[in-house]
Protein backbone atom coordinates (compact mmCIF):
# COMPACT_ATOMS: atom_id res chain seq x y z
CA MET A 1 -7.89 0.62 -14.90
CA ARG A 2 -5.02 -1.85 -14.97
CA ARG A 3 -1.57 -0.54 -15.84
CA GLY A 4 0.29 -2.64 -18.36
CA ALA A 5 2.79 -5.22 -17.12
CA ILE A 6 6.52 -5.37 -17.84
CA TYR A 7 8.10 -8.70 -18.77
CA ASP A 8 11.63 -9.82 -19.53
CA ARG A 9 12.47 -11.34 -22.92
CA ASN A 10 11.39 -14.80 -21.68
CA GLY A 11 8.04 -13.71 -20.27
CA ARG A 12 9.08 -13.42 -16.61
CA GLU A 13 7.17 -10.76 -14.69
CA LEU A 14 9.19 -7.67 -13.74
CA ALA A 15 6.31 -5.30 -12.93
CA ILE A 16 2.60 -6.10 -12.57
CA SER A 17 -0.56 -4.46 -11.27
CA VAL A 18 -2.50 -6.38 -8.63
CA GLU A 19 -6.15 -5.84 -7.77
CA THR A 20 -7.01 -3.81 -4.71
CA TYR A 21 -10.32 -2.33 -3.62
CA THR A 22 -11.50 1.05 -2.39
CA VAL A 23 -14.50 1.41 -0.07
CA ASN A 24 -16.82 4.27 -0.97
CA LEU A 25 -20.00 5.40 0.75
CA TYR A 26 -23.05 6.71 -1.11
CA THR A 27 -24.98 8.47 1.63
CA ARG A 28 -28.26 8.82 -0.36
CA GLU A 29 -28.77 5.06 -0.04
CA MET A 30 -27.79 4.78 3.63
CA LYS A 31 -30.29 4.79 6.50
CA SER A 32 -27.75 5.25 9.31
CA LEU A 33 -24.13 6.25 8.82
CA PRO A 34 -23.15 5.25 12.40
CA ASP A 35 -24.64 1.79 11.84
CA VAL A 36 -22.76 1.39 8.55
CA ALA A 37 -19.52 2.55 10.18
CA ASN A 38 -19.99 0.03 12.96
CA ARG A 39 -20.44 -2.88 10.54
CA LEU A 40 -17.57 -1.84 8.23
CA SER A 41 -15.06 -1.39 11.05
CA ALA A 42 -14.94 -5.17 11.52
CA PHE A 43 -13.52 -5.66 8.00
CA ILE A 44 -11.37 -2.63 7.21
CA PRO A 45 -8.34 -1.21 9.09
CA MET A 46 -10.37 1.68 10.56
CA THR A 47 -12.38 2.06 13.75
CA ARG A 48 -16.02 3.18 13.81
CA GLU A 49 -14.92 6.58 15.08
CA GLU A 50 -12.31 6.98 12.33
CA ILE A 51 -14.90 6.21 9.64
CA LEU A 52 -17.35 8.74 11.07
CA LYS A 53 -14.64 11.38 11.40
CA LYS A 54 -13.55 10.89 7.78
CA ALA A 55 -17.12 11.10 6.53
CA GLY A 56 -17.84 14.15 8.69
CA ASN A 57 -20.86 16.14 7.59
CA ARG A 58 -20.25 15.48 3.92
CA ARG A 59 -22.92 13.92 1.78
CA GLY A 60 -22.96 12.17 -1.57
CA TYR A 61 -20.20 9.87 -2.82
CA LEU A 62 -17.36 9.57 -0.26
CA GLN A 63 -14.09 7.64 -0.38
CA ILE A 64 -13.36 5.98 2.95
CA CYS A 65 -10.62 3.34 2.66
CA LYS A 66 -8.16 2.23 -0.05
CA ASN A 67 -5.94 -0.76 -0.87
CA LEU A 68 -8.08 -3.57 0.51
CA GLU A 69 -7.23 -7.13 -0.48
CA ARG A 70 -9.73 -9.23 -2.44
CA SER A 71 -10.53 -11.37 0.64
CA GLN A 72 -11.53 -8.27 2.61
CA ALA A 73 -13.57 -6.96 -0.31
CA ASN A 74 -15.43 -10.29 -0.62
CA LYS A 75 -16.47 -10.15 3.04
CA ILE A 76 -17.80 -6.61 2.65
CA THR A 77 -19.71 -7.64 -0.48
CA GLU A 78 -21.35 -10.46 1.47
CA LEU A 79 -22.66 -7.93 4.02
CA ASN A 80 -24.71 -6.32 1.22
CA ILE A 81 -24.91 -2.97 3.03
CA PRO A 82 -26.92 -0.36 1.09
CA GLY A 83 -24.74 2.64 0.20
CA VAL A 84 -21.41 0.78 0.49
CA ILE A 85 -19.75 0.59 -2.91
CA LEU A 86 -16.52 -1.27 -3.67
CA GLU A 87 -14.36 0.11 -6.43
CA GLU A 88 -11.74 -2.12 -8.04
CA THR A 89 -8.33 -0.40 -8.27
CA TYR A 90 -4.75 -1.54 -8.81
CA ARG A 91 -1.46 -1.39 -6.95
CA ARG A 92 1.94 -1.68 -8.65
CA LEU A 93 3.99 -4.68 -7.58
CA TYR A 94 7.53 -5.68 -8.52
CA PRO A 95 7.84 -9.45 -8.02
CA GLN A 96 11.63 -9.46 -8.11
CA ASN A 97 12.12 -6.52 -5.71
CA ASN A 98 15.58 -5.02 -6.40
CA LEU A 99 16.19 -6.71 -9.75
CA ALA A 100 16.86 -4.14 -12.49
CA SER A 101 15.46 -1.44 -10.19
CA ASN A 102 17.51 1.41 -11.68
CA LEU A 103 16.30 0.45 -15.13
CA LEU A 104 12.62 -0.29 -14.40
CA GLY A 105 11.88 2.69 -12.17
CA PHE A 106 8.62 2.92 -10.23
CA CYS A 107 5.15 4.48 -10.08
CA GLY A 108 3.73 6.97 -7.62
CA THR A 109 0.58 6.43 -5.58
CA ASP A 110 -1.46 7.92 -8.44
CA GLY A 111 -0.23 5.18 -10.78
CA HIS A 112 1.95 7.47 -12.89
CA GLY A 113 5.50 6.43 -13.75
CA LEU A 114 8.18 8.45 -11.97
CA GLU A 115 11.47 6.81 -12.96
CA GLY A 116 13.02 4.55 -15.59
CA ILE A 117 10.96 2.53 -18.04
CA GLU A 118 7.86 3.28 -15.97
CA LEU A 119 8.35 6.98 -16.73
CA VAL A 120 9.34 6.78 -20.42
CA PHE A 121 6.43 4.47 -21.32
CA ASP A 122 3.99 5.90 -18.78
CA ARG A 123 1.25 6.80 -21.28
CA THR A 124 1.62 3.50 -23.10
CA MET A 125 1.24 1.43 -19.93
CA ARG A 126 -1.23 3.67 -18.11
CA GLY A 127 -4.06 3.23 -20.59
CA TYR A 128 -7.06 5.53 -20.82
CA PRO A 129 -9.47 6.57 -18.08
CA GLY A 130 -13.15 5.96 -18.45
CA LEU A 131 -15.88 8.57 -18.20
CA ALA A 132 -18.44 8.74 -15.39
CA VAL A 133 -21.12 11.34 -14.63
CA GLU A 134 -23.27 11.88 -11.60
CA GLY A 135 -26.90 10.94 -12.00
CA ASP A 136 -29.61 13.57 -12.11
CA VAL A 137 -30.90 14.79 -8.77
CA SER A 138 -33.72 17.11 -7.89
CA PHE A 139 -32.98 20.83 -7.98
CA GLY A 140 -31.55 22.09 -4.71
CA ASP A 141 -30.62 18.63 -3.42
CA GLU A 142 -27.38 19.02 -1.47
CA GLU A 143 -26.30 15.46 -2.07
CA GLY A 144 -24.59 14.47 -5.30
CA GLY A 145 -25.99 11.83 -7.62
CA LYS A 146 -24.65 8.28 -7.98
CA PRO A 147 -21.93 8.03 -10.65
CA ARG A 148 -23.00 6.49 -13.94
CA ILE A 149 -20.36 4.94 -16.25
CA ILE A 150 -20.49 6.40 -19.77
CA GLN A 151 -17.25 4.90 -21.13
CA PRO A 152 -15.33 2.12 -19.34
CA PRO A 153 -11.58 2.58 -18.83
CA ALA A 154 -9.09 0.84 -21.13
CA GLY A 155 -6.11 -0.90 -19.57
CA GLY A 156 -2.56 -0.04 -20.63
CA SER A 157 -0.29 -1.99 -22.93
CA ASN A 158 2.24 -4.58 -21.79
CA LEU A 159 5.98 -4.22 -22.48
CA THR A 160 8.38 -7.05 -23.23
CA LEU A 161 11.95 -5.98 -22.63
CA THR A 162 15.17 -7.33 -24.09
CA ILE A 163 16.43 -7.94 -20.54
CA ASP A 164 17.06 -11.55 -19.50
CA SER A 165 16.26 -11.91 -15.77
CA PHE A 166 18.76 -14.75 -15.37
CA ILE A 167 21.60 -12.68 -16.86
CA GLN A 168 20.47 -9.65 -14.86
CA HIS A 169 20.55 -11.67 -11.65
CA ILE A 170 24.09 -12.93 -12.34
CA LEU A 171 25.22 -9.42 -13.25
CA GLU A 172 23.90 -7.90 -10.03
CA GLY A 173 25.32 -10.76 -7.96
CA GLU A 174 28.81 -10.34 -9.41
CA LEU A 175 28.67 -6.57 -8.92
CA ALA A 176 27.69 -7.11 -5.29
CA LYS A 177 30.77 -9.33 -4.79
CA LEU A 178 32.98 -6.69 -6.41
CA VAL A 179 31.57 -3.92 -4.21
CA GLU A 180 32.02 -6.05 -1.10
CA GLN A 181 35.65 -6.76 -1.97
CA TYR A 182 36.89 -3.42 -3.30
CA LYS A 183 34.46 -0.92 -1.69
CA PRO A 184 34.01 1.41 -4.72
CA ILE A 185 31.63 4.37 -4.56
CA ASP A 186 29.50 2.75 -7.26
CA ALA A 187 29.69 0.05 -9.92
CA MET A 188 27.97 -0.72 -13.21
CA ALA A 189 27.85 -3.51 -15.79
CA ILE A 190 26.15 -4.01 -19.15
CA VAL A 191 25.55 -7.15 -21.23
CA MET A 192 24.68 -6.24 -24.82
CA ASP A 193 24.06 -8.36 -27.92
CA PRO A 194 26.28 -6.61 -30.50
CA TYR A 195 24.31 -7.90 -33.48
CA SER A 196 20.88 -6.62 -32.45
CA GLY A 197 21.77 -3.96 -29.88
CA ASP A 198 19.64 -5.83 -27.32
CA ILE A 199 20.41 -4.98 -23.70
CA LEU A 200 20.40 -8.39 -22.00
CA GLY A 201 21.46 -7.01 -18.65
CA MET A 202 22.13 -3.56 -17.18
CA ALA A 203 23.04 -3.34 -13.53
CA CYS A 204 24.44 -0.78 -11.13
CA LEU A 205 25.02 -0.39 -7.43
CA PRO A 206 23.71 1.09 -5.25
CA ASN A 207 20.18 0.03 -6.17
CA TYR A 208 16.94 -0.20 -4.17
CA ASP A 209 13.78 -2.20 -3.49
CA LEU A 210 11.12 -1.13 -5.97
CA ASN A 211 8.38 -2.17 -3.55
CA ASP A 212 9.79 0.16 -0.91
CA PHE A 213 11.10 3.03 -3.03
CA ALA A 214 9.88 5.64 -0.53
CA ASN A 215 12.69 4.59 1.80
CA SER A 216 15.41 4.85 -0.85
CA THR A 217 17.63 7.81 -1.71
CA PRO A 218 17.62 9.72 -5.02
CA ALA A 219 21.23 8.62 -5.54
CA ALA A 220 20.10 4.98 -5.50
CA HIS A 221 17.63 5.70 -8.33
CA ARG A 222 20.36 6.76 -10.79
CA ASN A 223 20.70 4.47 -13.78
CA ARG A 224 24.45 5.05 -13.93
CA PRO A 225 25.25 3.19 -17.20
CA VAL A 226 23.00 5.68 -19.01
CA VAL A 227 23.16 8.86 -16.91
CA ASP A 228 26.70 9.12 -15.54
CA VAL A 229 29.66 10.24 -17.68
CA PHE A 230 33.33 9.53 -17.00
CA GLU A 231 36.73 9.69 -18.67
CA PRO A 232 37.19 6.15 -20.01
CA GLY A 233 40.99 5.88 -20.17
CA SER A 234 42.81 3.05 -21.93
CA CYS A 235 39.73 1.19 -23.18
CA MET A 236 39.57 3.92 -25.87
CA LYS A 237 42.96 2.95 -27.36
CA ILE A 238 41.42 0.45 -29.75
CA PHE A 239 39.49 3.22 -31.54
CA PRO A 240 42.45 5.41 -32.68
CA THR A 241 43.93 2.10 -33.84
CA ALA A 242 40.79 1.53 -35.92
CA CYS A 243 41.19 5.03 -37.31
CA GLY A 244 44.80 4.29 -38.23
CA PHE A 245 43.81 1.09 -40.05
CA SER A 246 40.91 2.82 -41.86
CA SER A 247 43.10 5.71 -43.04
CA GLY A 248 46.03 3.49 -43.99
CA LYS A 249 48.36 5.30 -41.56
CA ILE A 250 49.25 2.16 -39.59
CA SER A 251 49.45 -1.58 -40.33
CA ASP A 252 50.76 -4.76 -38.72
CA GLN A 253 54.22 -3.83 -39.99
CA THR A 254 54.24 -0.44 -38.25
CA ARG A 255 56.61 -0.29 -35.30
CA PHE A 256 56.63 2.04 -32.31
CA TYR A 257 59.28 2.72 -29.71
CA CYS A 258 58.42 3.18 -26.04
CA LYS A 259 61.04 4.62 -23.69
CA GLY A 260 58.62 4.94 -20.80
CA PHE A 261 56.84 8.08 -21.93
CA GLY A 262 55.50 9.93 -24.96
CA GLU A 263 56.24 13.57 -25.62
CA VAL A 264 54.03 16.27 -27.14
CA TYR A 265 55.16 19.91 -27.31
CA GLY A 266 57.61 19.31 -24.47
CA ARG A 267 54.98 17.65 -22.25
CA ARG A 268 55.58 14.06 -21.19
CA ILE A 269 52.79 11.50 -21.04
CA LYS A 270 53.96 8.66 -18.84
CA CYS A 271 53.67 4.98 -19.69
CA HIS A 272 53.45 2.27 -17.01
CA GLY A 273 56.67 0.72 -18.31
CA SER A 274 59.39 0.91 -20.99
CA HIS A 275 58.13 -1.44 -23.69
CA GLY A 276 60.89 -0.80 -26.22
CA LEU A 277 60.17 -1.64 -29.86
CA VAL A 278 56.58 -2.89 -30.26
CA ASP A 279 54.11 -3.59 -33.05
CA ILE A 280 50.44 -2.63 -32.88
CA SER A 281 49.53 -5.94 -31.22
CA GLY A 282 51.98 -5.19 -28.41
CA VAL A 283 50.72 -1.62 -28.13
CA ILE A 284 47.16 -2.78 -27.41
CA ALA A 285 48.09 -5.84 -25.33
CA GLU A 286 50.39 -3.83 -23.05
CA SER A 287 48.29 -0.63 -23.19
CA CYS A 288 51.30 1.48 -24.19
CA ASN A 289 50.70 5.22 -23.75
CA ALA A 290 53.91 6.26 -25.53
CA SER A 291 52.92 4.38 -28.67
CA MET A 292 49.44 5.89 -28.61
CA VAL A 293 51.02 9.34 -28.51
CA GLN A 294 52.91 8.41 -31.67
CA ILE A 295 49.70 7.18 -33.30
CA SER A 296 48.01 10.49 -32.42
CA GLN A 297 50.76 12.31 -34.33
CA MET A 298 50.16 10.14 -37.40
CA LEU A 299 46.41 10.81 -37.58
CA GLU A 300 44.65 13.93 -38.81
CA SER A 301 42.49 15.62 -36.19
CA ARG A 302 39.36 15.46 -38.33
CA GLN A 303 39.88 11.71 -38.94
CA LEU A 304 40.14 10.97 -35.23
CA TYR A 305 37.16 13.17 -34.38
CA LYS A 306 35.02 11.58 -37.11
CA MET A 307 35.89 8.09 -35.91
CA TYR A 308 34.84 8.92 -32.35
CA ARG A 309 31.62 10.56 -33.54
CA ASP A 310 30.81 7.65 -35.85
CA LEU A 311 31.23 5.29 -32.90
CA GLY A 312 28.53 7.22 -31.03
CA PHE A 313 30.60 9.31 -28.63
CA GLY A 314 29.39 12.85 -27.99
CA GLU A 315 25.73 12.04 -28.78
CA PRO A 316 22.91 10.20 -26.97
CA SER A 317 22.64 6.53 -27.90
CA GLY A 318 18.84 6.77 -28.16
CA ILE A 319 18.15 4.11 -25.53
CA SER A 320 14.61 4.19 -24.12
CA LEU A 321 15.52 5.54 -20.69
CA PRO A 322 15.26 9.01 -19.13
CA GLY A 323 18.14 11.37 -18.39
CA GLU A 324 20.63 9.92 -20.84
CA GLY A 325 23.97 11.72 -20.90
CA GLN A 326 25.48 12.56 -24.28
CA GLY A 327 29.02 12.70 -22.96
CA ILE A 328 31.66 15.28 -23.88
CA LEU A 329 33.60 15.34 -27.14
CA SER A 330 34.88 18.71 -28.32
CA ALA A 331 35.23 19.58 -32.01
CA PRO A 332 38.82 19.83 -33.39
CA SER A 333 38.49 23.62 -33.58
CA ARG A 334 38.55 23.64 -29.77
CA TRP A 335 41.48 21.25 -29.36
CA SER A 336 44.84 22.22 -27.90
CA GLY A 337 48.18 20.81 -29.04
CA LEU A 338 47.78 18.02 -26.47
CA SER A 339 44.19 17.09 -27.32
CA ALA A 340 44.81 14.41 -29.96
CA ALA A 341 47.27 12.59 -27.71
CA SER A 342 44.93 12.88 -24.74
CA LEU A 343 41.99 11.55 -26.74
CA CYS A 344 44.04 8.58 -27.93
CA ILE A 345 44.61 7.47 -24.32
CA GLY A 346 41.01 8.10 -23.29
CA GLN A 347 41.34 11.51 -21.67
CA GLU A 348 39.82 14.89 -22.54
CA LEU A 349 36.45 13.27 -23.32
CA ALA A 350 33.63 11.80 -21.23
CA VAL A 351 31.44 8.85 -22.14
CA THR A 352 28.57 6.84 -20.70
CA GLY A 353 28.65 3.12 -20.10
CA ILE A 354 26.04 2.50 -22.80
CA GLN A 355 28.08 4.49 -25.36
CA LEU A 356 31.17 2.45 -24.57
CA ALA A 357 29.30 -0.86 -24.84
CA GLY A 358 27.80 0.22 -28.16
CA ALA A 359 31.19 1.24 -29.57
CA TYR A 360 32.73 -2.11 -28.67
CA GLY A 361 29.69 -3.74 -30.24
CA VAL A 362 30.84 -2.22 -33.56
CA ILE A 363 34.05 -4.24 -33.29
CA ALA A 364 32.17 -7.39 -32.29
CA ASN A 365 29.51 -7.33 -35.03
CA GLY A 366 31.68 -6.47 -38.01
CA GLY A 367 31.58 -2.66 -38.13
CA LYS A 368 27.98 -1.50 -37.55
CA LEU A 369 26.80 0.85 -34.79
CA MET A 370 23.50 -0.47 -33.40
CA LYS A 371 20.94 1.56 -31.50
CA PRO A 372 20.61 0.03 -28.01
CA ARG A 373 17.29 -1.79 -27.82
CA LEU A 374 15.58 -2.16 -24.46
CA VAL A 375 11.93 -2.71 -25.47
CA LYS A 376 11.36 -5.68 -27.74
CA ARG A 377 7.57 -5.69 -28.09
CA ILE A 378 4.44 -3.82 -27.02
CA ASP A 379 1.16 -5.75 -26.66
CA SER A 380 -2.35 -4.65 -25.84
CA GLN A 381 -3.82 -6.18 -22.67
CA ALA A 382 -6.30 -8.14 -24.75
CA GLY A 383 -3.38 -9.54 -26.75
CA ASP A 384 -4.96 -8.63 -30.08
CA ILE A 385 -2.58 -5.79 -31.02
CA HIS A 386 1.20 -6.20 -31.20
CA GLU A 387 4.03 -3.87 -32.10
CA GLU A 388 7.49 -5.33 -32.61
CA ILE A 389 10.44 -2.97 -32.10
CA PRO A 390 13.05 -4.11 -34.65
CA PRO A 391 16.83 -3.73 -34.28
CA THR A 392 18.14 -0.48 -35.78
CA ILE A 393 21.47 0.01 -37.53
CA LYS A 394 22.55 3.61 -37.00
CA ARG A 395 25.51 3.52 -39.42
CA GLU A 396 28.44 1.51 -40.70
CA VAL A 397 31.64 2.69 -39.05
CA PHE A 398 34.34 0.53 -40.63
CA SER A 399 34.69 -2.62 -42.73
CA PRO A 400 34.25 -6.20 -41.45
CA GLU A 401 37.95 -6.79 -42.23
CA ILE A 402 39.04 -4.01 -39.91
CA ALA A 403 36.61 -5.23 -37.24
CA LEU A 404 38.15 -8.72 -37.46
CA HIS A 405 41.63 -7.22 -37.14
CA LEU A 406 40.58 -5.30 -34.03
CA ARG A 407 39.02 -8.40 -32.47
CA ARG A 408 42.33 -10.22 -32.85
CA LEU A 409 44.11 -7.36 -31.10
CA LEU A 410 41.63 -7.53 -28.22
CA LEU A 411 42.14 -11.28 -27.94
CA GLY A 412 45.84 -10.55 -27.40
CA VAL A 413 45.00 -8.33 -24.42
CA VAL A 414 43.51 -11.33 -22.61
CA GLU A 415 45.89 -14.00 -23.92
CA HIS A 416 49.19 -12.26 -23.16
CA GLY A 417 48.47 -8.70 -22.02
CA THR A 418 46.90 -6.66 -19.26
CA GLY A 419 43.56 -8.51 -19.33
CA SER A 420 44.73 -12.00 -18.36
CA LEU A 421 42.30 -12.14 -15.43
CA ALA A 422 39.45 -12.29 -17.97
CA LYS A 423 40.54 -15.67 -19.32
CA VAL A 424 37.84 -18.35 -19.29
CA ALA A 425 38.63 -21.99 -20.03
CA ASP A 426 37.36 -23.26 -23.40
CA TYR A 427 36.30 -19.75 -24.54
CA SER A 428 37.99 -17.09 -26.64
CA ILE A 429 37.77 -13.81 -24.75
CA GLY A 430 38.78 -10.40 -26.04
CA GLY A 431 38.58 -7.01 -24.39
CA LYS A 432 40.47 -4.01 -23.07
CA THR A 433 41.39 -2.97 -19.56
CA SER A 434 41.35 0.59 -18.29
CA THR A 435 42.42 2.39 -15.14
CA ALA A 436 41.58 6.05 -15.67
CA GLN A 437 42.51 8.74 -13.16
CA LYS A 438 39.57 10.91 -12.16
CA ALA A 439 39.70 14.50 -13.32
CA ASN A 440 40.15 17.10 -10.59
CA PRO A 441 37.70 20.02 -10.96
CA LYS A 442 40.55 22.33 -9.95
CA GLY A 443 42.70 21.06 -12.84
CA GLY A 444 44.74 17.96 -13.56
CA TYR A 445 43.95 14.52 -12.18
CA TYR A 446 43.70 12.89 -8.77
CA TRP A 447 46.56 10.48 -8.12
CA ASN A 448 44.48 8.30 -5.78
CA LYS A 449 41.02 8.27 -7.43
CA VAL A 450 40.40 6.11 -10.49
CA VAL A 451 37.70 4.57 -12.68
CA THR A 452 38.54 0.98 -13.57
CA SER A 453 36.83 -0.93 -16.34
CA PHE A 454 37.01 -3.89 -18.69
CA VAL A 455 35.08 -4.00 -21.94
């Protein structure tokens, strides 16, 4: 039975099942097995001796050779050899090889999904097996009867994803350039429509060739934007700011003073410069740690925690992929005196790439947290049954007015702050940079290992 295909949002094939054929022998209808083996050996990749050895002394219905192309099968059909039965089967093929490999996943030799979308929607795409019984034979006959089809198999359903192959190709190409230049251990990128939650592109390196997955490593199979968690660093600073606006604790008139560090219970949190007197626009544009420490002291712990939870941190996003990480976000009852300040600069929590993209989508779309959507539609193979997967709003996090205010702050990061490299002529670009030190399992942070990002 044919496994359902996977298409991108524009109908381009990402995974298909191609016809192959299996040669079976039904010995009850054969006059001479050696003669049959001799004739078959000219058309299948087996010698006469190999065919005879595989058949051995067995009788009945025997499988001899798999994965023949249609042209080979046609030649065998033309021979019209009694007792030689061709069975149509299918082999999984990925026309675009490496493209979106970590997201799509692959199938095993038995046709069952083992990774990615292929695994999550395995039953949907696999379809239903038919039912066959062996025909009646006389009592005591050692040979089995010829199979008789009672119920034909039903092919699996086709999936249409939200992924755009063109965007995915660009994303993977740019990541490859980045890896070549900077030699990171790994890299990831996500393109998400903030209004629908549609994942237009999701890429990570290393990846692998889906048509040759047996020669890839388990590490290459990881869909890092969904599975891996990391301390995000400064790209989180916009969210305590949102909390301050929502609670009325800060406004455009609020001023902060940076002397090169912030101080909490005698502990200094360094800033990358002495910014002096700054407003909230300067705080975000220059990524001022000292000012964020001051903001942390203005907010109530429960307000900050609720804002982070409402934005989707500390819980799975619900994306249709296996192994999703929920991240780490401790409840205020487990916080130390430094926790609020640490959280405001993106430390003492861990997030996934998809969580971070979704949270920034709240700012972009006017305040709503969308469930990431990866599957857009499911269709039966006959095309007569369709199921649309609609966008899902998980909750409203803050007002459109606050979202607009935050977007303006993020524009300042690119226009006159730390994100100037993201400028694009004739476009308004907003975002936040981050260079987060990696946590050391023995305590503290590595001085020479970082996670860099731009959202």
